[in-house]
Amino acid sequence: MTKHKIYTMSFAKVYPLYVSKAEKKGRTKLEVDEIIRWLTGYTQDELEEQLRKETDLETFIKEAPLINPSRALIKGVVCGVRVEEIKEPIMQEIRYLDKLIDELAKGKSMDKILRS
């Protein structure tokens, strides 16, 4: 069985799209970074290293230092699919990140996005 092509995409190619989406709605790169760090447990330096290495998305998720257990509170639809119903673990983690960035772009407060 072949992997979904999103798994092999470089995180460094997807990241600017997240930042652009946020900035178009008046949010910041710092907020995007905070969301990514919250979800994955990467420090800022580790996140920047992953970008420099052009790590693929699958590896980025698999090597995440500490996937946040509160991610189970993330609910909703991304790309027409409910994130809480995605069966494949790596795809679900990728879609959790997509959903958080969507929430940022829609103007949600960081407290709500980070399930504080």
PDB file of N, CA and C in Angstrom:
ATOM      1  N   MET A   1       0.836  -1.185   0.000  1.00  0.00           N
ATOM      2  CA  MET A   1       0.000   0.000   0.000  1.00  0.00           C
ATOM      3  C   MET A   1       0.884   1.253   0.000  1.00  0.00           C
ATOM      4  N   THR A   2       0.611   2.185  -0.882  1.00  0.00           N
ATOM      5  CA  THR A   2       1.426   3.395  -0.963  1.00  0.00           C
ATOM      6  C   THR A   2       0.947   4.419   0.065  1.00  0.00           C
ATOM      7  N   LYS A   3       1.888   5.214   0.526  1.00  0.00           N
ATOM      8  CA  LYS A   3       1.569   6.259   1.498  1.00  0.00           C
ATOM      9  C   LYS A   3       0.844   7.402   0.811  1.00  0.00           C
ATOM     10  N   HIS A   4       0.016   8.068   1.572  1.00  0.00           N
ATOM     11  CA  HIS A   4      -0.625   9.286   1.092  1.00  0.00           C
ATOM     12  C   HIS A   4       0.480  10.304   0.817  1.00  0.00           C
ATOM     13  N   LYS A   5       0.350  11.066  -0.247  1.00  0.00           N
ATOM     14  CA  LYS A   5       1.437  11.980  -0.618  1.00  0.00           C
ATOM     15  C   LYS A   5       1.705  13.066   0.423  1.00  0.00           C
ATOM     16  N   ILE A   6       0.734  13.382   1.260  1.00  0.00           N
ATOM     17  CA  ILE A   6       0.972  14.394   2.296  1.00  0.00           C
ATOM     18  C   ILE A   6       2.063  13.943   3.267  1.00  0.00           C
ATOM     19  N   TYR A   7       2.202  12.626   3.472  1.00  0.00           N
ATOM     20  CA  TYR A   7       3.217  12.116   4.395  1.00  0.00           C
ATOM     21  C   TYR A   7       4.630  12.453   3.935  1.00  0.00           C
ATOM     22  N   THR A   8       4.827  12.477   2.632  1.00  0.00           N
ATOM     23  CA  THR A   8       6.168  12.712   2.095  1.00  0.00           C
ATOM     24  C   THR A   8       6.450  14.188   1.815  1.00  0.00           C
ATOM     25  N   MET A   9       5.451  15.037   2.000  1.00  0.00           N
ATOM     26  CA  MET A   9       5.651  16.469   1.795  1.00  0.00           C
ATOM     27  C   MET A   9       6.563  17.020   2.885  1.00  0.00           C
ATOM     28  N   SER A  10       7.425  17.914   2.510  1.00  0.00           N
ATOM     29  CA  SER A  10       8.319  18.556   3.464  1.00  0.00           C
ATOM     30  C   SER A  10       7.516  19.485   4.375  1.00  0.00           C
ATOM     31  N   PHE A  11       7.746  19.373   5.672  1.00  0.00           N
ATOM     32  CA  PHE A  11       7.109  20.291   6.619  1.00  0.00           C
ATOM     33  C   PHE A  11       7.494  21.733   6.277  1.00  0.00           C
ATOM     34  N   ALA A  12       8.712  21.930   5.789  1.00  0.00           N
ATOM     35  CA  ALA A  12       9.186  23.270   5.413  1.00  0.00           C
ATOM     36  C   ALA A  12       8.383  23.856   4.246  1.00  0.00           C
ATOM     37  N   LYS A  13       7.731  23.021   3.462  1.00  0.00           N
ATOM     38  CA  LYS A  13       6.892  23.512   2.352  1.00  0.00           C
ATOM     39  C   LYS A  13       5.477  23.843   2.847  1.00  0.00           C
ATOM     40  N   VAL A  14       5.007  23.117   3.840  1.00  0.00           N
ATOM     41  CA  VAL A  14       3.660  23.324   4.378  1.00  0.00           C
ATOM     42  C   VAL A  14       3.627  24.493   5.368  1.00  0.00           C
ATOM     43  N   TYR A  15       4.679  24.622   6.144  1.00  0.00           N
ATOM     44  CA  TYR A  15       4.757  25.647   7.186  1.00  0.00           C
ATOM     45  C   TYR A  15       4.466  27.067   6.678  1.00  0.00           C
ATOM     46  N   PRO A  16       5.081  27.502   5.562  1.00  0.00           N
ATOM     47  CA  PRO A  16       4.776  28.868   5.089  1.00  0.00           C
ATOM     48  C   PRO A  16       3.300  29.046   4.710  1.00  0.00           C
ATOM     49  N   LEU A  17       2.649  27.962   4.326  1.00  0.00           N
ATOM     50  CA  LEU A  17       1.217  28.036   4.010  1.00  0.00           C
ATOM     51  C   LEU A  17       0.409  28.278   5.281  1.00  0.00           C
ATOM     52  N   TYR A  18       0.811  27.623   6.371  1.00  0.00           N
ATOM     53  CA  TYR A  18       0.160  27.868   7.663  1.00  0.00           C
ATOM     54  C   TYR A  18       0.341  29.329   8.075  1.00  0.00           C
ATOM     55  N   VAL A  19       1.563  29.819   7.966  1.00  0.00           N
ATOM     56  CA  VAL A  19       1.865  31.198   8.367  1.00  0.00           C
ATOM     57  C   VAL A  19       1.091  32.183   7.490  1.00  0.00           C
ATOM     58  N   SER A  20       1.087  31.949   6.195  1.00  0.00           N
ATOM     59  CA  SER A  20       0.375  32.829   5.267  1.00  0.00           C
ATOM     60  C   SER A  20      -1.119  32.876   5.578  1.00  0.00           C
ATOM     61  N   LYS A  21      -1.704  31.710   5.825  1.00  0.00           N
ATOM     62  CA  LYS A  21      -3.129  31.640   6.148  1.00  0.00           C
ATOM     63  C   LYS A  21      -3.430  32.459   7.393  1.00  0.00           C
ATOM     64  N   ALA A  22      -2.581  32.328   8.400  1.00  0.00           N
ATOM     65  CA  ALA A  22      -2.775  33.070   9.645  1.00  0.00           C
ATOM     66  C   ALA A  22      -2.601  34.575   9.432  1.00  0.00           C
ATOM     67  N   GLU A  23      -1.531  34.956   8.733  1.00  0.00           N
ATOM     68  CA  GLU A  23      -1.237  36.375   8.542  1.00  0.00           C
ATOM     69  C   GLU A  23      -2.296  37.081   7.700  1.00  0.00           C
ATOM     70  N   LYS A  24      -2.889  36.374   6.745  1.00  0.00           N
ATOM     71  CA  LYS A  24      -3.967  36.966   5.933  1.00  0.00           C
ATOM     72  C   LYS A  24      -5.162  37.358   6.792  1.00  0.00           C
ATOM     73  N   LYS A  25      -5.288  36.704   7.939  1.00  0.00           N
ATOM     74  CA  LYS A  25      -6.408  36.975   8.847  1.00  0.00           C
ATOM     75  C   LYS A  25      -5.981  37.790  10.069  1.00  0.00           C
ATOM     76  N   GLY A  26      -4.788  38.418   9.970  1.00  0.00           N
ATOM     77  CA  GLY A  26      -4.338  39.296  11.034  1.00  0.00           C
ATOM     78  C   GLY A  26      -3.682  38.593  12.215  1.00  0.00           C
ATOM     79  N   ARG A  27      -3.339  37.325  12.049  1.00  0.00           N
ATOM     80  CA  ARG A  27      -2.652  36.593  13.113  1.00  0.00           C
ATOM     81  C   ARG A  27      -1.166  36.560  12.790  1.00  0.00           C
ATOM     82  N   THR A  28      -0.355  35.932  13.647  1.00  0.00           N
ATOM     83  CA  THR A  28       1.087  36.035  13.490  1.00  0.00           C
ATOM     84  C   THR A  28       1.784  34.679  13.363  1.00  0.00           C
ATOM     85  N   LYS A  29       3.008  34.744  12.860  1.00  0.00           N
ATOM     86  CA  LYS A  29       3.878  33.569  12.795  1.00  0.00           C
ATOM     87  C   LYS A  29       4.142  33.040  14.203  1.00  0.00           C
ATOM     88  N   LEU A  30       4.286  33.945  15.158  1.00  0.00           N
ATOM     89  CA  LEU A  30       4.519  33.540  16.550  1.00  0.00           C
ATOM     90  C   LEU A  30       3.373  32.681  17.074  1.00  0.00           C
ATOM     91  N   GLU A  31       2.155  33.026  16.698  1.00  0.00           N
ATOM     92  CA  GLU A  31       0.996  32.233  17.124  1.00  0.00           C
ATOM     93  C   GLU A  31       1.000  30.859  16.451  1.00  0.00           C
ATOM     94  N   VAL A  32       1.357  30.827  15.168  1.00  0.00           N
ATOM     95  CA  VAL A  32       1.468  29.543  14.457  1.00  0.00           C
ATOM     96  C   VAL A  32       2.501  28.662  15.156  1.00  0.00           C
ATOM     97  N   ASP A  33       3.650  29.245  15.462  1.00  0.00           N
ATOM     98  CA  ASP A  33       4.710  28.493  16.145  1.00  0.00           C
ATOM     99  C   ASP A  33       4.239  27.977  17.501  1.00  0.00           C
ATOM    100  N   GLU A  34       3.517  28.817  18.233  1.00  0.00           N
ATOM    101  CA  GLU A  34       3.020  28.409  19.551  1.00  0.00           C
ATOM    102  C   GLU A  34       2.074  27.209  19.427  1.00  0.00           C
ATOM    103  N   ILE A  35       1.222  27.238  18.428  1.00  0.00           N
ATOM    104  CA  ILE A  35       0.295  26.125  18.189  1.00  0.00           C
ATOM    105  C   ILE A  35       1.070  24.848  17.874  1.00  0.00           C
ATOM    106  N   ILE A  36       2.043  24.959  16.996  1.00  0.00           N
ATOM    107  CA  ILE A  36       2.834  23.778  16.608  1.00  0.00           C
ATOM    108  C   ILE A  36       3.587  23.231  17.818  1.00  0.00           C
ATOM    109  N   ARG A  37       4.181  24.112  18.608  1.00  0.00           N
ATOM    110  CA  ARG A  37       4.910  23.667  19.808  1.00  0.00           C
ATOM    111  C   ARG A  37       3.960  23.018  20.805  1.00  0.00           C
ATOM    112  N   TRP A  38       2.771  23.586  20.986  1.00  0.00           N
ATOM    113  CA  TRP A  38       1.779  23.028  21.909  1.00  0.00           C
ATOM    114  C   TRP A  38       1.377  21.613  21.484  1.00  0.00           C
ATOM    115  N   LEU A  39       1.138  21.438  20.194  1.00  0.00           N
ATOM    116  CA  LEU A  39       0.672  20.149  19.695  1.00  0.00           C
ATOM    117  C   LEU A  39       1.761  19.084  19.725  1.00  0.00           C
ATOM    118  N   THR A  40       2.994  19.472  19.389  1.00  0.00           N
ATOM    119  CA  THR A  40       4.059  18.485  19.154  1.00  0.00           C
ATOM    120  C   THR A  40       5.093  18.360  20.269  1.00  0.00           C
ATOM    121  N   GLY A  41       5.224  19.378  21.090  1.00  0.00           N
ATOM    122  CA  GLY A  41       6.242  19.342  22.128  1.00  0.00           C
ATOM    123  C   GLY A  41       7.618  19.800  21.667  1.00  0.00           C
ATOM    124  N   TYR A  42       7.754  20.182  20.395  1.00  0.00           N
ATOM    125  CA  TYR A  42       9.039  20.725  19.935  1.00  0.00           C
ATOM    126  C   TYR A  42       9.301  22.057  20.619  1.00  0.00           C
ATOM    127  N   THR A  43      10.573  22.334  20.925  1.00  0.00           N
ATOM    128  CA  THR A  43      10.956  23.682  21.348  1.00  0.00           C
ATOM    129  C   THR A  43      11.051  24.535  20.083  1.00  0.00           C
ATOM    130  N   GLN A  44      11.214  25.841  20.253  1.00  0.00           N
ATOM    131  CA  GLN A  44      11.353  26.706  19.077  1.00  0.00           C
ATOM    132  C   GLN A  44      12.594  26.323  18.275  1.00  0.00           C
ATOM    133  N   ASP A  45      13.699  26.056  18.967  1.00  0.00           N
ATOM    134  CA  ASP A  45      14.929  25.662  18.267  1.00  0.00           C
ATOM    135  C   ASP A  45      14.735  24.344  17.512  1.00  0.00           C
ATOM    136  N   GLU A  46      14.076  23.384  18.147  1.00  0.00           N
ATOM    137  CA  GLU A  46      13.821  22.089  17.486  1.00  0.00           C
ATOM    138  C   GLU A  46      12.907  22.258  16.279  1.00  0.00           C
ATOM    139  N   LEU A  47      11.905  23.119  16.410  1.00  0.00           N
ATOM    140  CA  LEU A  47      10.997  23.392  15.297  1.00  0.00           C
ATOM    141  C   LEU A  47      11.773  23.986  14.120  1.00  0.00           C
ATOM    142  N   GLU A  48      12.622  24.958  14.409  1.00  0.00           N
ATOM    143  CA  GLU A  48      13.416  25.589  13.352  1.00  0.00           C
ATOM    144  C   GLU A  48      14.384  24.592  12.714  1.00  0.00           C
ATOM    145  N   GLU A  49      14.910  23.663  13.499  1.00  0.00           N
ATOM    146  CA  GLU A  49      15.793  22.622  12.960  1.00  0.00           C
ATOM    147  C   GLU A  49      15.020  21.696  12.014  1.00  0.00           C
ATOM    148  N   GLN A  50      13.804  21.350  12.371  1.00  0.00           N
ATOM    149  CA  GLN A  50      12.968  20.518  11.497  1.00  0.00           C
ATOM    150  C   GLN A  50      12.716  21.236  10.165  1.00  0.00           C
ATOM    151  N   LEU A  51      12.516  22.530  10.229  1.00  0.00           N
ATOM    152  CA  LEU A  51      12.321  23.314   9.008  1.00  0.00           C
ATOM    153  C   LEU A  51      13.596  23.330   8.166  1.00  0.00           C
ATOM    154  N   ARG A  52      14.739  23.528   8.811  1.00  0.00           N
ATOM    155  CA  ARG A  52      16.021  23.542   8.088  1.00  0.00           C
ATOM    156  C   ARG A  52      16.296  22.201   7.411  1.00  0.00           C
ATOM    157  N   LYS A  53      15.987  21.114   8.119  1.00  0.00           N
ATOM    158  CA  LYS A  53      16.244  19.768   7.591  1.00  0.00           C
ATOM    159  C   LYS A  53      15.228  19.354   6.513  1.00  0.00           C
ATOM    160  N   GLU A  54      14.169  20.155   6.368  1.00  0.00           N
ATOM    161  CA  GLU A  54      13.094  19.843   5.422  1.00  0.00           C
ATOM    162  C   GLU A  54      12.520  18.444   5.673  1.00  0.00           C
ATOM    163  N   THR A  55      12.303  18.157   6.944  1.00  0.00           N
ATOM    164  CA  THR A  55      11.726  16.894   7.388  1.00  0.00           C
ATOM    165  C   THR A  55      10.349  16.704   6.756  1.00  0.00           C
ATOM    166  N   ASP A  56      10.054  15.466   6.340  1.00  0.00           N
ATOM    167  CA  ASP A  56       8.716  15.215   5.789  1.00  0.00           C
ATOM    168  C   ASP A  56       7.702  15.204   6.935  1.00  0.00           C
ATOM    169  N   LEU A  57       6.429  15.403   6.592  1.00  0.00           N
ATOM    170  CA  LEU A  57       5.389  15.520   7.610  1.00  0.00           C
ATOM    171  C   LEU A  57       5.265  14.267   8.476  1.00  0.00           C
ATOM    172  N   GLU A  58       5.376  13.112   7.870  1.00  0.00           N
ATOM    173  CA  GLU A  58       5.267  11.876   8.651  1.00  0.00           C
ATOM    174  C   GLU A  58       6.360  11.814   9.725  1.00  0.00           C
ATOM    175  N   THR A  59       7.589  12.097   9.343  1.00  0.00           N
ATOM    176  CA  THR A  59       8.699  12.078  10.287  1.00  0.00           C
ATOM    177  C   THR A  59       8.540  13.182  11.327  1.00  0.00           C
ATOM    178  N   PHE A  60       8.097  14.346  10.895  1.00  0.00           N
ATOM    179  CA  PHE A  60       7.873  15.471  11.810  1.00  0.00           C
ATOM    180  C   PHE A  60       6.929  15.057  12.941  1.00  0.00           C
ATOM    181  N   ILE A  61       5.859  14.362  12.591  1.00  0.00           N
ATOM    182  CA  ILE A  61       4.899  13.911  13.600  1.00  0.00           C
ATOM    183  C   ILE A  61       5.475  12.761  14.421  1.00  0.00           C
ATOM    184  N   LYS A  62       6.059  11.769  13.751  1.00  0.00           N
ATOM    185  CA  LYS A  62       6.589  10.599  14.469  1.00  0.00           C
ATOM    186  C   LYS A  62       7.695  10.961  15.452  1.00  0.00           C
ATOM    187  N   GLU A  63       8.500  11.966  15.120  1.00  0.00           N
ATOM    188  CA  GLU A  63       9.620  12.359  15.975  1.00  0.00           C
ATOM    189  C   GLU A  63       9.262  13.464  16.971  1.00  0.00           C
ATOM    190  N   ALA A  64       8.011  13.862  16.983  1.00  0.00           N
ATOM    191  CA  ALA A  64       7.594  14.914  17.914  1.00  0.00           C
ATOM    192  C   ALA A  64       7.902  14.488  19.344  1.00  0.00           C
ATOM    193  N   PRO A  65       8.553  15.370  20.106  1.00  0.00           N
ATOM    194  CA  PRO A  65       8.975  15.008  21.460  1.00  0.00           C
ATOM    195  C   PRO A  65       7.828  14.626  22.402  1.00  0.00           C
ATOM    196  N   LEU A  66       6.701  15.334  22.311  1.00  0.00           N
ATOM    197  CA  LEU A  66       5.601  15.070  23.230  1.00  0.00           C
ATOM    198  C   LEU A  66       4.289  15.544  22.609  1.00  0.00           C
ATOM    199  N   ILE A  67       3.595  14.620  21.967  1.00  0.00           N
ATOM    200  CA  ILE A  67       2.294  14.968  21.395  1.00  0.00           C
ATOM    201  C   ILE A  67       1.356  15.289  22.560  1.00  0.00           C
ATOM    202  N   ASN A  68       0.716  16.442  22.491  1.00  0.00           N
ATOM    203  CA  ASN A  68      -0.108  16.930  23.595  1.00  0.00           C
ATOM    204  C   ASN A  68      -1.352  16.050  23.785  1.00  0.00           C
ATOM    205  N   PRO A  69      -1.531  15.512  24.986  1.00  0.00           N
ATOM    206  CA  PRO A  69      -2.705  14.658  25.224  1.00  0.00           C
ATOM    207  C   PRO A  69      -4.034  15.413  25.089  1.00  0.00           C
ATOM    208  N   SER A  70      -4.011  16.726  25.244  1.00  0.00           N
ATOM    209  CA  SER A  70      -5.235  17.521  25.108  1.00  0.00           C
ATOM    210  C   SER A  70      -5.712  17.634  23.663  1.00  0.00           C
ATOM    211  N   ARG A  71      -4.920  17.112  22.727  1.00  0.00           N
ATOM    212  CA  ARG A  71      -5.336  17.169  21.319  1.00  0.00           C
ATOM    213  C   ARG A  71      -6.632  16.400  21.099  1.00  0.00           C
ATOM    214  N   ALA A  72      -6.934  15.458  21.987  1.00  0.00           N
ATOM    215  CA  ALA A  72      -8.179  14.694  21.869  1.00  0.00           C
ATOM    216  C   ALA A  72      -9.409  15.603  22.001  1.00  0.00           C
ATOM    217  N   LEU A  73      -9.206  16.810  22.515  1.00  0.00           N
ATOM    218  CA  LEU A  73     -10.297  17.775  22.642  1.00  0.00           C
ATOM    219  C   LEU A  73     -10.573  18.499  21.331  1.00  0.00           C
ATOM    220  N   ILE A  74      -9.715  18.318  20.337  1.00  0.00           N
ATOM    221  CA  ILE A  74      -9.881  18.982  19.040  1.00  0.00           C
ATOM    222  C   ILE A  74     -10.965  18.243  18.272  1.00  0.00           C
ATOM    223  N   LYS A  75     -11.994  18.978  17.911  1.00  0.00           N
ATOM    224  CA  LYS A  75     -13.133  18.408  17.177  1.00  0.00           C
ATOM    225  C   LYS A  75     -13.408  19.287  15.970  1.00  0.00           C
ATOM    226  N   GLY A  76     -14.044  18.715  14.969  1.00  0.00           N
ATOM    227  CA  GLY A  76     -14.464  19.503  13.826  1.00  0.00           C
ATOM    228  C   GLY A  76     -14.045  18.896  12.509  1.00  0.00           C
ATOM    229  N   VAL A  77     -14.312  19.645  11.445  1.00  0.00           N
ATOM    230  CA  VAL A  77     -14.120  19.152  10.091  1.00  0.00           C
ATOM    231  C   VAL A  77     -12.947  19.862   9.415  1.00  0.00           C
ATOM    232  N   VAL A  78     -12.089  19.065   8.785  1.00  0.00           N
ATOM    233  CA  VAL A  78     -11.002  19.568   7.951  1.00  0.00           C
ATOM    234  C   VAL A  78     -11.044  18.760   6.656  1.00  0.00           C
ATOM    235  N   CYS A  79     -11.032  19.445   5.545  1.00  0.00           N
ATOM    236  CA  CYS A  79     -11.071  18.785   4.236  1.00  0.00           C
ATOM    237  C   CYS A  79     -12.264  17.828   4.146  1.00  0.00           C
ATOM    238  N   GLY A  80     -13.376  18.222   4.737  1.00  0.00           N
ATOM    239  CA  GLY A  80     -14.599  17.430   4.657  1.00  0.00           C
ATOM    240  C   GLY A  80     -14.640  16.202   5.546  1.00  0.00           C
ATOM    241  N   VAL A  81     -13.663  16.051   6.434  1.00  0.00           N
ATOM    242  CA  VAL A  81     -13.586  14.877   7.301  1.00  0.00           C
ATOM    243  C   VAL A  81     -13.515  15.334   8.755  1.00  0.00           C
ATOM    244  N   ARG A  82     -14.268  14.688   9.625  1.00  0.00           N
ATOM    245  CA  ARG A  82     -14.214  14.990  11.056  1.00  0.00           C
ATOM    246  C   ARG A  82     -12.887  14.473  11.615  1.00  0.00           C
ATOM    247  N   VAL A  83     -12.099  15.366  12.213  1.00  0.00           N
ATOM    248  CA  VAL A  83     -10.766  14.981  12.687  1.00  0.00           C
ATOM    249  C   VAL A  83     -10.815  13.902  13.757  1.00  0.00           C
ATOM    250  N   GLU A  84     -11.850  13.929  14.568  1.00  0.00           N
ATOM    251  CA  GLU A  84     -11.937  12.941  15.643  1.00  0.00           C
ATOM    252  C   GLU A  84     -12.287  11.539  15.140  1.00  0.00           C
ATOM    253  N   GLU A  85     -12.682  11.429  13.871  1.00  0.00           N
ATOM    254  CA  GLU A  85     -13.054  10.128  13.306  1.00  0.00           C
ATOM    255  C   GLU A  85     -11.984   9.532  12.385  1.00  0.00           C
ATOM    256  N   ILE A  86     -10.886  10.238  12.199  1.00  0.00           N
ATOM    257  CA  ILE A  86      -9.813   9.737  11.332  1.00  0.00           C
ATOM    258  C   ILE A  86      -9.145   8.555  12.024  1.00  0.00           C
ATOM    259  N   LYS A  87      -9.065   7.438  11.332  1.00  0.00           N
ATOM    260  CA  LYS A  87      -8.539   6.202  11.926  1.00  0.00           C
ATOM    261  C   LYS A  87      -7.010   6.116  11.886  1.00  0.00           C
ATOM    262  N   GLU A  88      -6.386   6.638  10.838  1.00  0.00           N
ATOM    263  CA  GLU A  88      -4.935   6.512  10.669  1.00  0.00           C
ATOM    264  C   GLU A  88      -4.261   7.558  11.574  1.00  0.00           C
ATOM    265  N   PRO A  89      -3.452   7.138  12.547  1.00  0.00           N
ATOM    266  CA  PRO A  89      -2.902   8.054  13.555  1.00  0.00           C
ATOM    267  C   PRO A  89      -2.086   9.229  13.011  1.00  0.00           C
ATOM    268  N   ILE A  90      -1.210   8.986  12.052  1.00  0.00           N
ATOM    269  CA  ILE A  90      -0.382  10.086  11.522  1.00  0.00           C
ATOM    270  C   ILE A  90      -1.258  11.102  10.784  1.00  0.00           C
ATOM    271  N   MET A  91      -2.189  10.613   9.987  1.00  0.00           N
ATOM    272  CA  MET A  91      -3.100  11.515   9.267  1.00  0.00           C
ATOM    273  C   MET A  91      -3.913  12.332  10.276  1.00  0.00           C
ATOM    274  N   GLN A  92      -4.356  11.700  11.344  1.00  0.00           N
ATOM    275  CA  GLN A  92      -5.135  12.420  12.348  1.00  0.00           C
ATOM    276  C   GLN A  92      -4.299  13.537  12.975  1.00  0.00           C
ATOM    277  N   GLU A  93      -3.037  13.265  13.274  1.00  0.00           N
ATOM    278  CA  GLU A  93      -2.171  14.296  13.863  1.00  0.00           C
ATOM    279  C   GLU A  93      -1.976  15.466  12.897  1.00  0.00           C
ATOM    280  N   ILE A  94      -1.787  15.159  11.620  1.00  0.00           N
ATOM    281  CA  ILE A  94      -1.632  16.210  10.603  1.00  0.00           C
ATOM    282  C   ILE A  94      -2.896  17.043  10.527  1.00  0.00           C
ATOM    283  N   ARG A  95      -4.035  16.389  10.545  1.00  0.00           N
ATOM    284  CA  ARG A  95      -5.320  17.105  10.456  1.00  0.00           C
ATOM    285  C   ARG A  95      -5.627  17.883  11.734  1.00  0.00           C
ATOM    286  N   TYR A  96      -5.157  17.391  12.887  1.00  0.00           N
ATOM    287  CA  TYR A  96      -5.289  18.189  14.107  1.00  0.00           C
ATOM    288  C   TYR A  96      -4.577  19.529  13.920  1.00  0.00           C
ATOM    289  N   LEU A  97      -3.371  19.483  13.382  1.00  0.00           N
ATOM    290  CA  LEU A  97      -2.615  20.712  13.156  1.00  0.00           C
ATOM    291  C   LEU A  97      -3.357  21.618  12.174  1.00  0.00           C
ATOM    292  N   ASP A  98      -3.860  21.038  11.092  1.00  0.00           N
ATOM    293  CA  ASP A  98      -4.644  21.819  10.125  1.00  0.00           C
ATOM    294  C   ASP A  98      -5.827  22.504  10.808  1.00  0.00           C
ATOM    295  N   LYS A  99      -6.522  21.764  11.651  1.00  0.00           N
ATOM    296  CA  LYS A  99      -7.705  22.295  12.340  1.00  0.00           C
ATOM    297  C   LYS A  99      -7.319  23.446  13.272  1.00  0.00           C
ATOM    298  N   LEU A 100      -6.218  23.304  13.991  1.00  0.00           N
ATOM    299  CA  LEU A 100      -5.785  24.377  14.884  1.00  0.00           C
ATOM    300  C   LEU A 100      -5.440  25.644  14.107  1.00  0.00           C
ATOM    301  N   ILE A 101      -4.792  25.484  12.969  1.00  0.00           N
ATOM    302  CA  ILE A 101      -4.454  26.647  12.138  1.00  0.00           C
ATOM    303  C   ILE A 101      -5.733  27.277  11.580  1.00  0.00           C
ATOM    304  N   ASP A 102      -6.702  26.453  11.201  1.00  0.00           N
ATOM    305  CA  ASP A 102      -8.005  26.973  10.760  1.00  0.00           C
ATOM    306  C   ASP A 102      -8.652  27.810  11.864  1.00  0.00           C
ATOM    307  N   GLU A 103      -8.619  27.296  13.079  1.00  0.00           N
ATOM    308  CA  GLU A 103      -9.209  28.024  14.208  1.00  0.00           C
ATOM    309  C   GLU A 103      -8.500  29.360  14.420  1.00  0.00           C
ATOM    310  N   LEU A 104      -7.193  29.372  14.289  1.00  0.00           N
ATOM    311  CA  LEU A 104      -6.426  30.618  14.412  1.00  0.00           C
ATOM    312  C   LEU A 104      -6.876  31.614  13.349  1.00  0.00           C
ATOM    313  N   ALA A 105      -6.967  31.144  12.115  1.00  0.00           N
ATOM    314  CA  ALA A 105      -7.356  32.019  11.003  1.00  0.00           C
ATOM    315  C   ALA A 105      -8.800  32.519  11.146  1.00  0.00           C
ATOM    316  N   LYS A 106      -9.622  31.771  11.843  1.00  0.00           N
ATOM    317  CA  LYS A 106     -11.021  32.173  12.045  1.00  0.00           C
ATOM    318  C   LYS A 106     -11.184  33.117  13.227  1.00  0.00           C
ATOM    319  N   GLY A 107     -10.075  33.448  13.888  1.00  0.00           N
ATOM    320  CA  GLY A 107     -10.126  34.452  14.937  1.00  0.00           C
ATOM    321  C   GLY A 107     -10.333  33.935  16.347  1.00  0.00           C
ATOM    322  N   LYS A 108     -10.283  32.626  16.549  1.00  0.00           N
ATOM    323  CA  LYS A 108     -10.427  32.100  17.908  1.00  0.00           C
ATOM    324  C   LYS A 108      -9.278  32.594  18.783  1.00  0.00           C
ATOM    325  N   SER A 109      -9.550  32.731  20.058  1.00  0.00           N
ATOM    326  CA  SER A 109      -8.498  33.144  20.995  1.00  0.00           C
ATOM    327  C   SER A 109      -7.525  31.985  21.189  1.00  0.00           C
ATOM    328  N   MET A 110      -6.295  32.319  21.523  1.00  0.00           N
ATOM    329  CA  MET A 110      -5.275  31.290  21.735  1.00  0.00           C
ATOM    330  C   MET A 110      -5.669  30.371  22.890  1.00  0.00           C
ATOM    331  N   ASP A 111      -6.322  30.894  23.921  1.00  0.00           N
ATOM    332  CA  ASP A 111      -6.766  30.043  25.030  1.00  0.00           C
ATOM    333  C   ASP A 111      -7.700  28.938  24.542  1.00  0.00           C
ATOM    334  N   LYS A 112      -8.610  29.279  23.663  1.00  0.00           N
ATOM    335  CA  LYS A 112      -9.544  28.281  23.148  1.00  0.00           C
ATOM    336  C   LYS A 112      -8.832  27.312  22.192  1.00  0.00           C
ATOM    337  N   ILE A 113      -7.963  27.838  21.355  1.00  0.00           N
ATOM    338  CA  ILE A 113      -7.231  26.990  20.403  1.00  0.00           C
ATOM    339  C   ILE A 113      -6.378  25.968  21.153  1.00  0.00           C
ATOM    340  N   LEU A 114      -5.720  26.419  22.219  1.00  0.00           N
ATOM    341  CA  LEU A 114      -4.825  25.544  22.976  1.00  0.00           C
ATOM    342  C   LEU A 114      -5.558  24.784  24.082  1.00  0.00           C
ATOM    343  N   ARG A 115      -6.859  24.821  24.031  1.00  0.00           N
ATOM    344  CA  ARG A 115      -7.718  24.059  24.966  1.00  0.00           C
ATOM    345  C   ARG A 115      -7.317  24.315  26.412  1.00  0.00           C
ATOM    346  N   SER A 116      -7.081  25.612  26.730  1.00  0.00           N
ATOM    347  CA  SER A 116      -6.675  25.989  28.094  1.00  0.00           C
ATOM    348  C   SER A 116      -7.877  26.122  29.009  1.00  0.00           C
TER     349      SER A 116
END
